[in-house]
Amino acid sequence: EKYVAGFKNMRTANLPGVTTQRCDCENTPVGVCLKDGGTIKRETLNKDFRCAANSHSCDQAETFLFLDDPIDGEFECGCNGLTTVKNQEQVEEDGMATLYGACRNLKNQEKHFCSYAPESCESGHEWIPPTQLRSRLGL
């Protein structure tokens, strides 16, 4: 059984879906949420698209996808945000970070923990998507 979620690992492996790298933040593929009709270019980041860990991070008017090629030939989305392909340096600008959601405790709504996906939420918790964290949790 093989699970292939993206193409970043496959670029450095000899066989599709097989990697010899450690599975850590740096080697984990991260996709994008693309707004309907949007374009993927460096200057349209956070206007037309944003880095996203998975499809649960996307809003209804967005489509989740993995990119086959770097953005403008030099950038890609990583677990911490936009990075340069050449030396994997983080792009240090506002709005370039990959956002994650949270699981909020239903009994005590002041309590929450950061989460990759709704499936990570325990019983008695609700999933809050990344785009709603500020309005619903003040984060």
C-alpha atoms as a PDB file:
ATOM      1  CA  GLU A   1       0.000   0.000   0.000  1.00  0.00           C
ATOM      2  CA  LYS A   2       1.366   3.416  -0.988  1.00  0.00           C
ATOM      3  CA  TYR A   3       0.141   6.875  -0.118  1.00  0.00           C
ATOM      4  CA  VAL A   4       1.405   9.646  -2.357  1.00  0.00           C
ATOM      5  CA  ALA A   5       0.305  13.070  -1.195  1.00  0.00           C
ATOM      6  CA  GLY A   6       2.594  15.286  -3.225  1.00  0.00           C
ATOM      7  CA  PHE A   7       5.557  15.541  -5.482  1.00  0.00           C
ATOM      8  CA  LYS A   8       8.295  17.097  -3.344  1.00  0.00           C
ATOM      9  CA  ASN A   9       9.607  13.756  -2.041  1.00  0.00           C
ATOM     10  CA  MET A  10       9.326  12.072  -5.427  1.00  0.00           C
ATOM     11  CA  ARG A  11      11.702  14.620  -6.994  1.00  0.00           C
ATOM     12  CA  THR A  12      14.579  13.173  -4.954  1.00  0.00           C
ATOM     13  CA  ALA A  13      13.606   9.485  -5.038  1.00  0.00           C
ATOM     14  CA  ASN A  14      14.158   6.912  -7.763  1.00  0.00           C
ATOM     15  CA  LEU A  15      10.686   5.375  -7.553  1.00  0.00           C
ATOM     16  CA  PRO A  16       7.331   7.186  -7.492  1.00  0.00           C
ATOM     17  CA  GLY A  17       6.070   7.551  -3.933  1.00  0.00           C
ATOM     18  CA  VAL A  18       9.263   6.217  -2.347  1.00  0.00           C
ATOM     19  CA  THR A  19      11.699   8.416  -0.476  1.00  0.00           C
ATOM     20  CA  THR A  20      14.942   7.790   1.324  1.00  0.00           C
ATOM     21  CA  GLN A  21      14.618  11.028   3.289  1.00  0.00           C
ATOM     22  CA  ARG A  22      13.412  11.407   6.868  1.00  0.00           C
ATOM     23  CA  CYS A  23       9.759  12.333   7.169  1.00  0.00           C
ATOM     24  CA  ASP A  24      10.097  15.701   8.872  1.00  0.00           C
ATOM     25  CA  CYS A  25       8.817  19.202   8.290  1.00  0.00           C
ATOM     26  CA  GLU A  26      11.359  19.989   5.590  1.00  0.00           C
ATOM     27  CA  ASN A  27      10.529  16.873   3.538  1.00  0.00           C
ATOM     28  CA  THR A  28       6.761  16.883   3.892  1.00  0.00           C
ATOM     29  CA  PRO A  29       4.845  18.130   0.854  1.00  0.00           C
ATOM     30  CA  VAL A  30       2.595  21.137   1.375  1.00  0.00           C
ATOM     31  CA  GLY A  31       0.067  22.240  -1.198  1.00  0.00           C
ATOM     32  CA  VAL A  32      -1.911  25.376  -1.875  1.00  0.00           C
ATOM     33  CA  CYS A  33      -5.465  26.625  -1.575  1.00  0.00           C
ATOM     34  CA  LEU A  34      -6.224  28.330  -4.898  1.00  0.00           C
ATOM     35  CA  LYS A  35      -9.169  30.708  -5.205  1.00  0.00           C
ATOM     36  CA  ASP A  36     -11.542  30.000  -8.086  1.00  0.00           C
ATOM     37  CA  GLY A  37     -10.117  31.713 -11.159  1.00  0.00           C
ATOM     38  CA  GLY A  38      -6.864  32.620  -9.374  1.00  0.00           C
ATOM     39  CA  THR A  39      -3.303  32.329 -10.614  1.00  0.00           C
ATOM     40  CA  ILE A  40      -0.247  30.972  -8.844  1.00  0.00           C
ATOM     41  CA  LYS A  41       2.573  33.512  -8.984  1.00  0.00           C
ATOM     42  CA  ARG A  42       4.753  35.008  -6.254  1.00  0.00           C
ATOM     43  CA  GLU A  43       2.914  38.345  -6.414  1.00  0.00           C
ATOM     44  CA  THR A  44      -0.517  36.689  -6.062  1.00  0.00           C
ATOM     45  CA  LEU A  45       0.317  34.883  -2.803  1.00  0.00           C
ATOM     46  CA  ASN A  46      -2.437  35.609  -0.252  1.00  0.00           C
ATOM     47  CA  LYS A  47      -4.540  37.203  -2.986  1.00  0.00           C
ATOM     48  CA  ASP A  48      -5.200  34.206  -5.260  1.00  0.00           C
ATOM     49  CA  PHE A  49      -3.582  31.385  -3.304  1.00  0.00           C
ATOM     50  CA  ARG A  50      -1.881  30.497  -0.020  1.00  0.00           C
ATOM     51  CA  CYS A  51       0.244  27.644   1.274  1.00  0.00           C
ATOM     52  CA  ALA A  52      -1.886  24.978   2.949  1.00  0.00           C
ATOM     53  CA  ALA A  53      -1.148  21.730   4.735  1.00  0.00           C
ATOM     54  CA  ASN A  54      -4.224  19.925   3.398  1.00  0.00           C
ATOM     55  CA  SER A  55      -7.670  20.383   1.846  1.00  0.00           C
ATOM     56  CA  HIS A  56      -9.263  21.066   5.251  1.00  0.00           C
ATOM     57  CA  SER A  57      -7.393  24.367   5.292  1.00  0.00           C
ATOM     58  CA  CYS A  58      -9.237  25.613   2.201  1.00  0.00           C
ATOM     59  CA  ASP A  59     -12.439  27.632   2.132  1.00  0.00           C
ATOM     60  CA  GLN A  60     -15.417  26.688  -0.067  1.00  0.00           C
ATOM     61  CA  ALA A  61     -14.363  28.958  -2.943  1.00  0.00           C
ATOM     62  CA  GLU A  62     -10.870  27.427  -2.989  1.00  0.00           C
ATOM     63  CA  THR A  63      -9.381  24.255  -4.442  1.00  0.00           C
ATOM     64  CA  PHE A  64      -6.562  22.336  -2.767  1.00  0.00           C
ATOM     65  CA  LEU A  65      -3.734  21.090  -4.968  1.00  0.00           C
ATOM     66  CA  PHE A  66      -0.089  20.153  -4.932  1.00  0.00           C
ATOM     67  CA  LEU A  67       2.219  21.949  -7.349  1.00  0.00           C
ATOM     68  CA  ASP A  68       4.384  19.984  -9.784  1.00  0.00           C
ATOM     69  CA  ASP A  69       6.778  22.888 -10.327  1.00  0.00           C
ATOM     70  CA  PRO A  70       8.154  25.673  -8.118  1.00  0.00           C
ATOM     71  CA  ILE A  71       6.284  28.986  -8.050  1.00  0.00           C
ATOM     72  CA  ASP A  72       7.933  31.318 -10.574  1.00  0.00           C
ATOM     73  CA  GLY A  73      10.723  28.734 -10.804  1.00  0.00           C
ATOM     74  CA  GLU A  74      12.160  29.614  -7.396  1.00  0.00           C
ATOM     75  CA  PHE A  75       9.631  29.278  -4.534  1.00  0.00           C
ATOM     76  CA  GLU A  76       7.660  26.429  -3.004  1.00  0.00           C
ATOM     77  CA  CYS A  77       5.324  25.956  -0.086  1.00  0.00           C
ATOM     78  CA  GLY A  78       6.699  24.196   2.969  1.00  0.00           C
ATOM     79  CA  CYS A  79       5.311  23.331   6.386  1.00  0.00           C
ATOM     80  CA  ASN A  80       6.392  26.717   7.764  1.00  0.00           C
ATOM     81  CA  GLY A  81       5.491  28.774   4.701  1.00  0.00           C
ATOM     82  CA  LEU A  82       6.961  29.959   1.438  1.00  0.00           C
ATOM     83  CA  THR A  83      10.598  28.934   0.962  1.00  0.00           C
ATOM     84  CA  THR A  84      13.233  29.341  -1.732  1.00  0.00           C
ATOM     85  CA  VAL A  85      13.867  26.152  -3.699  1.00  0.00           C
ATOM     86  CA  LYS A  86      17.605  26.778  -4.032  1.00  0.00           C
ATOM     87  CA  ASN A  87      18.555  26.847  -0.342  1.00  0.00           C
ATOM     88  CA  GLN A  88      15.241  26.229   1.481  1.00  0.00           C
ATOM     89  CA  GLU A  89      15.334  29.630   3.183  1.00  0.00           C
ATOM     90  CA  GLN A  90      12.110  30.873   4.713  1.00  0.00           C
ATOM     91  CA  VAL A  91      10.602  33.936   3.031  1.00  0.00           C
ATOM     92  CA  GLU A  92      10.290  36.329   5.954  1.00  0.00           C
ATOM     93  CA  GLU A  93       7.342  38.516   4.980  1.00  0.00           C
ATOM     94  CA  ASP A  94       3.909  38.978   6.508  1.00  0.00           C
ATOM     95  CA  GLY A  95       1.381  36.472   5.252  1.00  0.00           C
ATOM     96  CA  MET A  96       3.895  33.938   3.922  1.00  0.00           C
ATOM     97  CA  ALA A  97       3.401  31.329   6.670  1.00  0.00           C
ATOM     98  CA  THR A  98       1.523  28.077   6.170  1.00  0.00           C
ATOM     99  CA  LEU A  99      -1.510  28.270   8.448  1.00  0.00           C
ATOM    100  CA  TYR A 100      -2.915  25.417  10.529  1.00  0.00           C
ATOM    101  CA  GLY A 101      -6.282  24.978  12.201  1.00  0.00           C
ATOM    102  CA  ALA A 102      -7.241  24.250  15.788  1.00  0.00           C
ATOM    103  CA  CYS A 103      -9.454  21.982  17.854  1.00  0.00           C
ATOM    104  CA  ARG A 104     -11.463  23.995  20.389  1.00  0.00           C
ATOM    105  CA  ASN A 105     -12.855  22.501  23.578  1.00  0.00           C
ATOM    106  CA  LEU A 106     -16.662  22.735  23.467  1.00  0.00           C
ATOM    107  CA  LYS A 107     -17.032  22.929  27.260  1.00  0.00           C
ATOM    108  CA  ASN A 108     -14.331  25.534  27.778  1.00  0.00           C
ATOM    109  CA  GLN A 109     -14.015  27.561  24.588  1.00  0.00           C
ATOM    110  CA  GLU A 110     -10.936  29.355  25.901  1.00  0.00           C
ATOM    111  CA  LYS A 111      -9.019  26.085  25.490  1.00  0.00           C
ATOM    112  CA  HIS A 112      -7.789  24.790  22.147  1.00  0.00           C
ATOM    113  CA  PHE A 113      -4.856  23.001  20.563  1.00  0.00           C
ATOM    114  CA  CYS A 114      -3.330  23.504  17.126  1.00  0.00           C
ATOM    115  CA  SER A 115      -4.207  20.826  14.628  1.00  0.00           C
ATOM    116  CA  TYR A 116      -3.316  19.633  11.151  1.00  0.00           C
ATOM    117  CA  ALA A 117      -6.816  18.389  10.278  1.00  0.00           C
ATOM    118  CA  PRO A 118     -10.306  17.875  11.758  1.00  0.00           C
ATOM    119  CA  GLU A 119      -9.565  14.181  12.267  1.00  0.00           C
ATOM    120  CA  SER A 120      -7.102  15.215  14.962  1.00  0.00           C
ATOM    121  CA  CYS A 121      -9.852  16.731  17.098  1.00  0.00           C
ATOM    122  CA  GLU A 122     -10.794  14.670  20.113  1.00  0.00           C
ATOM    123  CA  SER A 123     -14.325  14.041  21.278  1.00  0.00           C
ATOM    124  CA  GLY A 124     -15.788  17.209  22.785  1.00  0.00           C
ATOM    125  CA  HIS A 125     -13.778  19.452  20.443  1.00  0.00           C
ATOM    126  CA  GLU A 126     -14.684  21.286  17.246  1.00  0.00           C
ATOM    127  CA  TRP A 127     -12.461  21.945  14.221  1.00  0.00           C
ATOM    128  CA  ILE A 128     -11.701  25.581  13.421  1.00  0.00           C
ATOM    129  CA  PRO A 129     -10.154  26.127   9.970  1.00  0.00           C
ATOM    130  CA  PRO A 130      -7.030  28.314   9.659  1.00  0.00           C
ATOM    131  CA  THR A 131      -8.899  31.188   8.008  1.00  0.00           C
ATOM    132  CA  GLN A 132     -11.288  31.413  10.989  1.00  0.00           C
ATOM    133  CA  LEU A 133      -8.767  31.326  13.855  1.00  0.00           C
ATOM    134  CA  ARG A 134      -8.531  35.107  14.158  1.00  0.00           C
ATOM    135  CA  SER A 135     -12.298  35.716  14.190  1.00  0.00           C
ATOM    136  CA  ARG A 136     -13.231  32.743  16.378  1.00  0.00           C
ATOM    137  CA  LEU A 137     -10.236  32.425  18.725  1.00  0.00           C
ATOM    138  CA  GLY A 138      -8.577  35.810  18.457  1.00  0.00           C
ATOM    139  CA  LEU A 139      -5.352  34.269  17.140  1.00  0.00           C
END
